[in-house]
Amino acid sequence: MSNTVTFTAARRRFERSQPHRHISKLSQAERQGMGSPFALVEGNTVLDAGELNAVERWCREAGVLSTGETIVTG
C-alpha cells in the first residue's frame, strides 16, 4: 500500500534537508523551454529537470521520501 504526499509537503521536506537546493514548479513558459514541469535548482543553476517521478527520485535520494510514499499534485 502506498501513502501519498502532496508536492508541497515533499518540497518542504526536501528544502529542509537540502537548504542550498530547492525544487521549482516551472511556469508554462519555463516548461516549454525546459521540456519538463519541475526543476532541481541550486543557487541560479538548474541541476536537473523532469516529471513528477524525477521529484520523487530527488526526494528519495535526499532521504525525505520513503519507498512506500508517492507524490501527488493538487
N, C-alpha and C. Protein backbone atom coordinates (compact mmCIF):
# COMPACT_ATOMS: atom_id res chain seq x y z
N MET A 1 0.83 -1.18 0.00
CA MET A 1 0.00 0.00 0.00
C MET A 1 0.88 1.25 0.00
N SER A 2 0.49 2.21 -0.78
CA SER A 2 1.26 3.43 -0.94
C SER A 2 0.58 4.59 -0.22
N ASN A 3 1.36 5.39 0.42
CA ASN A 3 0.87 6.62 1.05
C ASN A 3 1.18 7.77 0.12
N THR A 4 0.26 8.70 0.00
CA THR A 4 0.50 9.85 -0.86
C THR A 4 0.96 11.05 -0.03
N VAL A 5 1.82 11.83 -0.65
CA VAL A 5 2.35 13.05 -0.06
C VAL A 5 2.12 14.15 -1.10
N THR A 6 1.64 15.30 -0.70
CA THR A 6 1.44 16.37 -1.67
C THR A 6 2.80 16.89 -2.14
N PHE A 7 2.80 17.46 -3.33
CA PHE A 7 4.02 18.05 -3.88
C PHE A 7 4.57 19.10 -2.92
N THR A 8 3.68 19.93 -2.38
CA THR A 8 4.11 21.00 -1.47
C THR A 8 4.79 20.44 -0.23
N ALA A 9 4.22 19.39 0.34
CA ALA A 9 4.82 18.78 1.54
C ALA A 9 6.16 18.14 1.20
N ALA A 10 6.25 17.47 0.06
CA ALA A 10 7.51 16.85 -0.34
C ALA A 10 8.57 17.90 -0.59
N ARG A 11 8.20 19.00 -1.23
CA ARG A 11 9.15 20.08 -1.48
C ARG A 11 9.65 20.68 -0.16
N ARG A 12 8.75 20.87 0.80
CA ARG A 12 9.17 21.40 2.11
C ARG A 12 10.15 20.46 2.80
N ARG A 13 9.84 19.17 2.78
CA ARG A 13 10.75 18.18 3.37
C ARG A 13 12.13 18.27 2.72
N PHE A 14 12.13 18.31 1.38
CA PHE A 14 13.39 18.36 0.64
C PHE A 14 14.19 19.61 1.01
N GLU A 15 13.54 20.74 1.00
CA GLU A 15 14.23 22.01 1.24
C GLU A 15 14.72 22.16 2.67
N ARG A 16 14.07 21.50 3.63
CA ARG A 16 14.58 21.50 5.00
C ARG A 16 15.85 20.66 5.09
N SER A 17 15.91 19.58 4.33
CA SER A 17 17.08 18.70 4.38
C SER A 17 18.21 19.17 3.47
N GLN A 18 17.90 19.97 2.47
CA GLN A 18 18.88 20.46 1.48
C GLN A 18 18.73 21.98 1.36
N PRO A 19 19.12 22.75 2.37
CA PRO A 19 18.83 24.18 2.35
C PRO A 19 19.46 24.95 1.19
N HIS A 20 20.48 24.40 0.56
CA HIS A 20 21.14 25.07 -0.56
C HIS A 20 20.49 24.73 -1.91
N ARG A 21 19.50 23.84 -1.90
CA ARG A 21 18.80 23.43 -3.13
C ARG A 21 17.30 23.59 -2.94
N HIS A 22 16.60 23.75 -4.07
CA HIS A 22 15.14 23.75 -4.00
C HIS A 22 14.55 23.12 -5.26
N ILE A 23 13.31 22.69 -5.13
CA ILE A 23 12.57 22.12 -6.24
C ILE A 23 11.59 23.17 -6.70
N SER A 24 11.64 23.48 -7.98
CA SER A 24 10.80 24.52 -8.54
C SER A 24 9.74 23.92 -9.46
N LYS A 25 8.51 24.38 -9.29
CA LYS A 25 7.44 24.02 -10.23
C LYS A 25 7.44 25.12 -11.29
N LEU A 26 7.76 24.75 -12.51
CA LEU A 26 8.00 25.74 -13.56
C LEU A 26 6.71 26.32 -14.13
N SER A 27 6.82 27.57 -14.59
CA SER A 27 5.70 28.22 -15.26
C SER A 27 5.53 27.60 -16.66
N GLN A 28 4.43 27.91 -17.30
CA GLN A 28 4.16 27.37 -18.64
C GLN A 28 5.29 27.74 -19.61
N ALA A 29 5.75 28.97 -19.58
CA ALA A 29 6.83 29.40 -20.48
C ALA A 29 8.13 28.66 -20.17
N GLU A 30 8.42 28.49 -18.87
CA GLU A 30 9.63 27.75 -18.47
C GLU A 30 9.53 26.29 -18.88
N ARG A 31 8.34 25.72 -18.76
CA ARG A 31 8.14 24.31 -19.16
C ARG A 31 8.44 24.12 -20.64
N GLN A 32 7.99 25.07 -21.45
CA GLN A 32 8.24 24.96 -22.89
C GLN A 32 9.73 25.01 -23.18
N GLY A 33 10.46 25.86 -22.47
CA GLY A 33 11.90 25.97 -22.67
C GLY A 33 12.67 24.77 -22.14
N MET A 34 12.26 24.25 -20.98
CA MET A 34 12.96 23.14 -20.35
C MET A 34 12.43 21.79 -20.83
N GLY A 35 11.17 21.74 -21.21
CA GLY A 35 10.56 20.49 -21.61
C GLY A 35 10.08 19.65 -20.44
N SER A 36 10.10 20.20 -19.24
CA SER A 36 9.70 19.49 -18.03
C SER A 36 9.00 20.45 -17.08
N PRO A 37 8.10 19.92 -16.26
CA PRO A 37 7.37 20.79 -15.34
C PRO A 37 8.08 21.11 -14.03
N PHE A 38 9.16 20.38 -13.69
CA PHE A 38 9.85 20.59 -12.42
C PHE A 38 11.36 20.69 -12.64
N ALA A 39 12.02 21.45 -11.77
CA ALA A 39 13.48 21.59 -11.86
C ALA A 39 14.09 21.53 -10.46
N LEU A 40 15.26 20.93 -10.40
CA LEU A 40 16.07 20.92 -9.18
C LEU A 40 17.09 22.03 -9.34
N VAL A 41 17.07 22.99 -8.42
CA VAL A 41 17.86 24.21 -8.57
C VAL A 41 18.78 24.40 -7.37
N GLU A 42 20.02 24.80 -7.67
CA GLU A 42 20.98 25.19 -6.63
C GLU A 42 21.49 26.56 -7.01
N GLY A 43 21.21 27.55 -6.16
CA GLY A 43 21.55 28.92 -6.50
C GLY A 43 20.74 29.35 -7.71
N ASN A 44 21.43 29.74 -8.77
CA ASN A 44 20.75 30.10 -10.02
C ASN A 44 20.97 29.05 -11.10
N THR A 45 21.42 27.86 -10.69
CA THR A 45 21.76 26.81 -11.64
C THR A 45 20.75 25.67 -11.58
N VAL A 46 20.21 25.31 -12.73
CA VAL A 46 19.32 24.15 -12.83
C VAL A 46 20.20 22.91 -12.90
N LEU A 47 20.09 22.04 -11.90
CA LEU A 47 20.88 20.82 -11.84
C LEU A 47 20.25 19.69 -12.62
N ASP A 48 18.91 19.65 -12.63
CA ASP A 48 18.18 18.58 -13.28
C ASP A 48 16.75 19.07 -13.50
N ALA A 49 16.06 18.45 -14.42
CA ALA A 49 14.66 18.77 -14.67
C ALA A 49 13.93 17.48 -15.00
N GLY A 50 12.64 17.45 -14.72
CA GLY A 50 11.90 16.24 -15.03
C GLY A 50 10.45 16.32 -14.64
N GLU A 51 9.82 15.17 -14.77
CA GLU A 51 8.42 14.99 -14.42
C GLU A 51 8.30 14.70 -12.93
N LEU A 52 7.11 14.36 -12.49
CA LEU A 52 6.87 14.08 -11.07
C LEU A 52 7.74 12.92 -10.56
N ASN A 53 8.02 11.94 -11.41
CA ASN A 53 8.88 10.82 -10.98
C ASN A 53 10.30 11.30 -10.67
N ALA A 54 10.76 12.37 -11.33
CA ALA A 54 12.07 12.94 -11.02
C ALA A 54 12.04 13.59 -9.63
N VAL A 55 10.94 14.26 -9.30
CA VAL A 55 10.80 14.88 -7.97
C VAL A 55 10.85 13.78 -6.91
N GLU A 56 10.17 12.67 -7.15
CA GLU A 56 10.21 11.56 -6.20
C GLU A 56 11.64 11.04 -6.05
N ARG A 57 12.37 10.92 -7.15
CA ARG A 57 13.75 10.45 -7.09
C ARG A 57 14.62 11.42 -6.29
N TRP A 58 14.49 12.72 -6.54
CA TRP A 58 15.29 13.71 -5.80
C TRP A 58 14.99 13.62 -4.31
N CYS A 59 13.72 13.46 -3.96
CA CYS A 59 13.33 13.38 -2.55
C CYS A 59 13.83 12.08 -1.92
N ARG A 60 13.76 10.98 -2.65
CA ARG A 60 14.27 9.71 -2.11
C ARG A 60 15.78 9.77 -1.91
N GLU A 61 16.49 10.36 -2.89
CA GLU A 61 17.94 10.49 -2.77
C GLU A 61 18.32 11.36 -1.57
N ALA A 62 17.48 12.34 -1.24
CA ALA A 62 17.72 13.22 -0.09
C ALA A 62 17.28 12.56 1.21
N GLY A 63 16.62 11.40 1.11
CA GLY A 63 16.19 10.68 2.31
C GLY A 63 14.92 11.21 2.95
N VAL A 64 14.10 11.96 2.18
CA VAL A 64 12.90 12.56 2.78
C VAL A 64 11.61 11.95 2.26
N LEU A 65 11.71 10.90 1.41
CA LEU A 65 10.54 10.22 0.90
C LEU A 65 10.83 8.73 0.93
N SER A 66 9.98 7.99 1.64
CA SER A 66 10.21 6.55 1.74
C SER A 66 9.73 5.84 0.48
N THR A 67 10.12 4.60 0.33
CA THR A 67 9.73 3.84 -0.86
C THR A 67 8.22 3.60 -0.91
N GLY A 68 7.54 3.68 0.20
CA GLY A 68 6.10 3.48 0.24
C GLY A 68 5.29 4.74 0.01
N GLU A 69 5.96 5.85 -0.26
CA GLU A 69 5.26 7.11 -0.47
C GLU A 69 5.36 7.55 -1.93
N THR A 70 4.28 8.14 -2.43
CA THR A 70 4.26 8.72 -3.76
C THR A 70 3.79 10.17 -3.65
N ILE A 71 4.25 10.99 -4.57
CA ILE A 71 3.91 12.41 -4.56
C ILE A 71 2.75 12.64 -5.54
N VAL A 72 1.80 13.45 -5.08
CA VAL A 72 0.67 13.84 -5.92
C VAL A 72 0.62 15.36 -6.00
N THR A 73 0.15 15.86 -7.13
CA THR A 73 -0.04 17.30 -7.28
C THR A 73 -1.51 17.60 -7.15
N GLY A 74 -1.81 18.79 -6.68
CA GLY A 74 -3.19 19.14 -6.44
C GLY A 74 -3.72 19.96 -7.49
